[in-house]
Amino acid sequence: MAPVVKKAAFKLSETSGQNLSEAVYQALSQGLRDGVYRPGDRLREEEVAQRLNVSRTPVREAFGRLAAKGFVQPAGARGLVVRNLDLSEILELYAMREILEGAAARLAAQHAAQPEIHGLRDIEVLYEAHFEDPRAMARINRQFHEAVFRAARNRYLDAALQEMQDGIALLGQTTFSVKGRPTVAAAEHRGIIDAIEARDPAKAEELARAHIREALRARLKLLQS
């Protein structure tokens, strides 16, 4: 049977002082975010251990943490598989995204330095240069939202984003494959940046929350197709 591990960047963090189990867990979490593993994919201790060049013990411990967070589930003889979110979980996730993204945009409008705003515009230009590549757009879009969160200058909000990104990874196919969504999202991004640069917290939050609501609409279209 063919292995599940994809040919994509997947390696241990080089952060010093990090124990092996934590490093494996972080590598697997990043693999989920980057699409190395997708909903329905199988995870096997031996394959992951070989890929990361570690023993099976830290892999088993990392699998336990992923299972406790609800990112993977047992699949009988197949071992563990990456979960698919049901509709109620998707709605809950987007409800939380709207709150967090709105708060991040509001705080970014208050705290972002001018170079960070220029950085947001650079990311948006890069995003718009990849309209024919939904997976690239999804990756760059994640960079955009992470940049907004960093500009918010709130470590607790940033920690919440990292947790949420793992859940977003379980959504599967990107909404940028929905017809018209890439160009609409680009306009929404530009509006958010303009509000941040104008130092208008209320407008930035309003536009960020609307952006996530539109993303949910695209997600529901994708589920119905």
Protein backbone atom coordinates (compact mmCIF):
# COMPACT_ATOMS: atom_id res chain seq x y z
CA MET A 1 0.00 0.00 0.00
CA ALA A 2 1.40 3.41 -0.95
CA PRO A 3 2.53 5.67 1.91
CA VAL A 4 0.46 8.68 2.80
CA VAL A 5 3.33 11.12 3.32
CA LYS A 6 3.31 13.70 0.55
CA LYS A 7 6.35 15.07 -1.24
CA ALA A 8 6.33 18.42 0.55
CA ALA A 9 8.34 20.29 3.13
CA PHE A 10 8.05 18.32 6.35
CA LYS A 11 10.79 18.42 8.97
CA LEU A 12 11.53 18.92 12.61
CA SER A 13 11.83 22.42 14.01
CA GLU A 14 15.38 23.52 14.71
CA THR A 15 14.32 25.50 17.78
CA SER A 16 16.77 24.84 20.58
CA GLY A 17 15.52 23.53 23.92
CA GLN A 18 12.50 21.84 22.38
CA ASN A 19 12.02 18.20 23.40
CA LEU A 20 11.65 15.61 20.68
CA SER A 21 7.97 14.87 21.29
CA GLU A 22 7.15 18.58 21.04
CA ALA A 23 9.25 18.94 17.89
CA VAL A 24 7.41 16.03 16.23
CA TYR A 25 4.05 17.48 17.28
CA GLN A 26 4.95 20.88 15.83
CA ALA A 27 6.15 19.26 12.60
CA LEU A 28 2.88 17.34 12.24
CA SER A 29 0.81 20.45 13.04
CA GLN A 30 2.71 22.40 10.40
CA GLY A 31 2.21 19.50 8.01
CA LEU A 32 -1.54 19.80 8.50
CA ARG A 33 -1.44 23.55 7.83
CA ASP A 34 0.71 23.14 4.73
CA GLY A 35 -1.41 20.37 3.23
CA VAL A 36 1.22 17.66 3.69
CA TYR A 37 -1.61 15.79 5.36
CA ARG A 38 -5.24 16.31 4.34
CA PRO A 39 -8.60 15.19 5.74
CA GLY A 40 -8.94 11.45 5.26
CA ASP A 41 -5.18 10.83 5.00
CA ARG A 42 -3.70 8.05 7.08
CA LEU A 43 -1.00 8.64 9.68
CA ARG A 44 1.31 5.75 10.58
CA GLU A 45 3.95 5.85 13.28
CA GLU A 46 6.57 4.03 11.26
CA GLU A 47 6.22 6.27 8.20
CA VAL A 48 6.37 9.51 10.19
CA ALA A 49 9.28 8.25 12.30
CA GLN A 50 11.24 7.38 9.16
CA ARG A 51 10.44 10.70 7.52
CA LEU A 52 11.56 12.69 10.56
CA ASN A 53 14.41 10.34 11.43
CA VAL A 54 13.23 9.76 15.01
CA SER A 55 12.10 6.76 17.04
CA ARG A 56 8.43 5.81 17.18
CA THR A 57 8.02 6.89 20.83
CA PRO A 58 7.91 10.70 20.25
CA VAL A 59 5.72 10.10 17.20
CA ARG A 60 3.28 8.08 19.31
CA GLU A 61 3.22 10.87 21.91
CA ALA A 62 2.61 13.49 19.22
CA PHE A 63 -0.21 11.39 17.75
CA GLY A 64 -1.79 11.29 21.20
CA ARG A 65 -1.78 15.07 21.39
CA LEU A 66 -3.30 15.40 17.92
CA ALA A 67 -6.02 12.91 18.85
CA ALA A 68 -6.75 14.77 22.12
CA LYS A 69 -7.23 17.99 20.12
CA GLY A 70 -9.58 16.21 17.73
CA PHE A 71 -7.36 16.57 14.66
CA VAL A 72 -7.01 12.82 14.04
CA GLN A 73 -9.12 9.82 14.89
CA PRO A 74 -8.72 6.01 15.01
CA ALA A 75 -9.54 4.15 11.82
CA GLY A 76 -9.26 0.49 12.81
CA ALA A 77 -6.48 -1.37 11.06
CA ARG A 78 -5.65 1.79 9.11
CA GLY A 79 -4.26 3.41 12.26
CA LEU A 80 -5.11 7.11 12.54
CA VAL A 81 -6.63 9.36 9.89
CA VAL A 82 -6.89 13.12 9.67
CA ARG A 83 -10.44 14.12 10.57
CA ASN A 84 -13.02 15.77 8.35
CA LEU A 85 -15.01 18.48 10.14
CA ASP A 86 -18.80 18.15 10.11
CA LEU A 87 -21.05 21.10 9.26
CA SER A 88 -21.64 22.16 12.86
CA GLU A 89 -17.88 22.22 13.52
CA ILE A 90 -17.30 24.27 10.36
CA LEU A 91 -19.89 26.84 11.45
CA GLU A 92 -18.34 27.01 14.93
CA LEU A 93 -14.87 27.45 13.46
CA TYR A 94 -15.92 30.30 11.19
CA ALA A 95 -17.82 31.98 14.03
CA MET A 96 -14.61 32.01 16.06
CA ARG A 97 -12.59 33.11 13.04
CA GLU A 98 -14.87 36.10 12.57
CA ILE A 99 -14.37 37.19 16.18
CA LEU A 100 -10.59 36.71 16.20
CA GLU A 101 -9.93 38.17 12.76
CA GLY A 102 -12.07 41.18 13.57
CA ALA A 103 -10.23 41.77 16.84
CA ALA A 104 -6.86 41.39 15.12
CA ALA A 105 -7.72 43.92 12.43
CA ARG A 106 -8.99 46.40 15.04
CA LEU A 107 -5.77 46.12 17.06
CA ALA A 108 -3.62 46.25 13.92
CA ALA A 109 -5.24 49.56 13.00
CA GLN A 110 -4.08 50.85 16.38
CA HIS A 111 -0.60 49.35 16.54
CA ALA A 112 0.73 48.42 13.07
CA ALA A 113 3.98 50.13 12.09
CA GLN A 114 4.17 51.59 8.59
CA PRO A 115 6.63 48.92 7.39
CA GLU A 116 4.12 46.24 8.49
CA ILE A 117 1.42 47.94 6.44
CA HIS A 118 3.76 48.00 3.44
CA GLY A 119 4.37 44.30 4.10
CA LEU A 120 0.64 43.60 3.99
CA ARG A 121 0.40 45.32 0.62
CA ASP A 122 3.36 43.29 -0.66
CA ILE A 123 1.67 40.07 0.43
CA GLU A 124 -1.53 41.15 -1.31
CA VAL A 125 0.36 41.85 -4.55
CA LEU A 126 1.88 38.37 -4.33
CA TYR A 127 -1.56 36.85 -3.70
CA GLU A 128 -3.03 38.56 -6.75
CA ALA A 129 -0.15 37.28 -8.88
CA HIS A 130 -1.32 33.69 -8.24
CA PHE A 131 -4.98 33.86 -9.30
CA GLU A 132 -4.56 30.69 -11.35
CA ASP A 133 -3.17 28.65 -8.44
CA PRO A 134 -5.70 28.11 -5.59
CA ARG A 135 -3.22 26.27 -3.37
CA ALA A 136 -0.65 29.06 -3.68
CA MET A 137 -3.35 31.62 -2.94
CA ALA A 138 -4.35 29.67 0.19
CA ARG A 139 -0.74 29.66 1.40
CA ILE A 140 -0.25 33.38 0.72
CA ASN A 141 -3.64 34.20 2.24
CA ARG A 142 -2.52 32.48 5.44
CA GLN A 143 0.60 34.68 5.43
CA PHE A 144 -1.62 37.75 5.06
CA HIS A 145 -3.77 36.88 8.05
CA GLU A 146 -0.76 35.93 10.16
CA ALA A 147 0.79 39.32 9.35
CA VAL A 148 -2.37 41.10 10.53
CA PHE A 149 -2.26 39.14 13.78
CA ARG A 150 1.40 40.02 14.34
CA ALA A 151 0.62 43.68 13.75
CA ALA A 152 -2.08 43.47 16.43
CA ARG A 153 0.67 43.21 19.09
CA ASN A 154 -1.25 40.79 21.31
CA ARG A 155 0.46 37.52 22.24
CA TYR A 156 -2.75 35.90 23.47
CA LEU A 157 -4.55 36.67 20.24
CA ASP A 158 -1.58 35.28 18.32
CA ALA A 159 -1.69 32.06 20.36
CA ALA A 160 -5.41 31.72 19.58
CA LEU A 161 -4.63 32.11 15.87
CA GLN A 162 -2.08 29.30 15.97
CA GLU A 163 -4.66 27.01 17.58
CA MET A 164 -7.29 28.01 15.03
CA GLN A 165 -4.98 27.39 12.08
CA ASP A 166 -4.87 23.69 12.98
CA GLY A 167 -8.65 23.58 12.76
CA ILE A 168 -8.63 25.44 9.45
CA ALA A 169 -6.28 22.78 8.09
CA LEU A 170 -9.05 20.20 8.56
CA LEU A 171 -11.36 22.04 6.16
CA GLY A 172 -9.75 20.41 3.13
CA GLN A 173 -10.10 22.02 -0.29
CA THR A 174 -9.46 25.76 -0.37
CA THR A 175 -12.35 28.14 -1.03
CA PHE A 176 -10.17 29.86 -3.63
CA SER A 177 -11.29 27.10 -5.99
CA VAL A 178 -14.80 28.61 -5.88
CA LYS A 179 -15.47 30.70 -8.99
CA GLY A 180 -15.03 34.41 -8.34
CA ARG A 181 -13.78 34.02 -4.78
CA PRO A 182 -10.11 34.95 -5.47
CA THR A 183 -10.92 38.39 -6.91
CA VAL A 184 -13.56 39.17 -4.27
CA ALA A 185 -11.15 38.17 -1.49
CA ALA A 186 -8.46 40.40 -3.01
CA ALA A 187 -10.78 43.42 -2.84
CA GLU A 188 -11.65 42.51 0.76
CA HIS A 189 -7.94 42.30 1.65
CA ARG A 190 -7.26 45.71 0.13
CA GLY A 191 -10.13 47.22 2.10
CA ILE A 192 -8.79 45.81 5.36
CA ILE A 193 -5.31 47.18 4.62
CA ASP A 194 -6.73 50.60 3.76
CA ALA A 195 -8.63 50.70 7.06
CA ILE A 196 -5.54 49.68 9.02
CA GLU A 197 -3.45 52.35 7.29
CA ALA A 198 -6.17 54.94 7.92
CA ARG A 199 -6.01 54.04 11.64
CA ASP A 200 -9.73 53.27 11.65
CA PRO A 201 -10.15 50.37 14.12
CA ALA A 202 -13.93 50.11 13.78
CA LYS A 203 -13.78 49.96 9.98
CA ALA A 204 -10.91 47.47 10.01
CA GLU A 205 -12.85 45.15 12.32
CA GLU A 206 -16.05 45.51 10.30
CA LEU A 207 -14.28 44.64 7.04
CA ALA A 208 -12.34 41.74 8.55
CA ARG A 209 -15.48 40.19 9.98
CA ALA A 210 -17.30 40.63 6.65
CA HIS A 211 -14.32 38.99 4.93
CA ILE A 212 -14.70 35.86 7.08
CA ARG A 213 -18.47 35.76 6.53
CA GLU A 214 -17.87 35.79 2.79
CA ALA A 215 -15.27 33.05 3.20
CA LEU A 216 -17.89 30.96 5.00
CA ARG A 217 -20.35 31.51 2.15
CA ALA A 218 -17.72 30.23 -0.27
CA ARG A 219 -17.05 27.24 2.00
CA LEU A 220 -20.74 26.33 2.05
CA LYS A 221 -20.87 26.58 -1.75
CA LEU A 222 -17.91 24.24 -1.91
CA LEU A 223 -19.65 21.73 0.35
CA GLN A 224 -22.77 21.82 -1.82
CA SER A 225 -20.91 21.27 -5.10
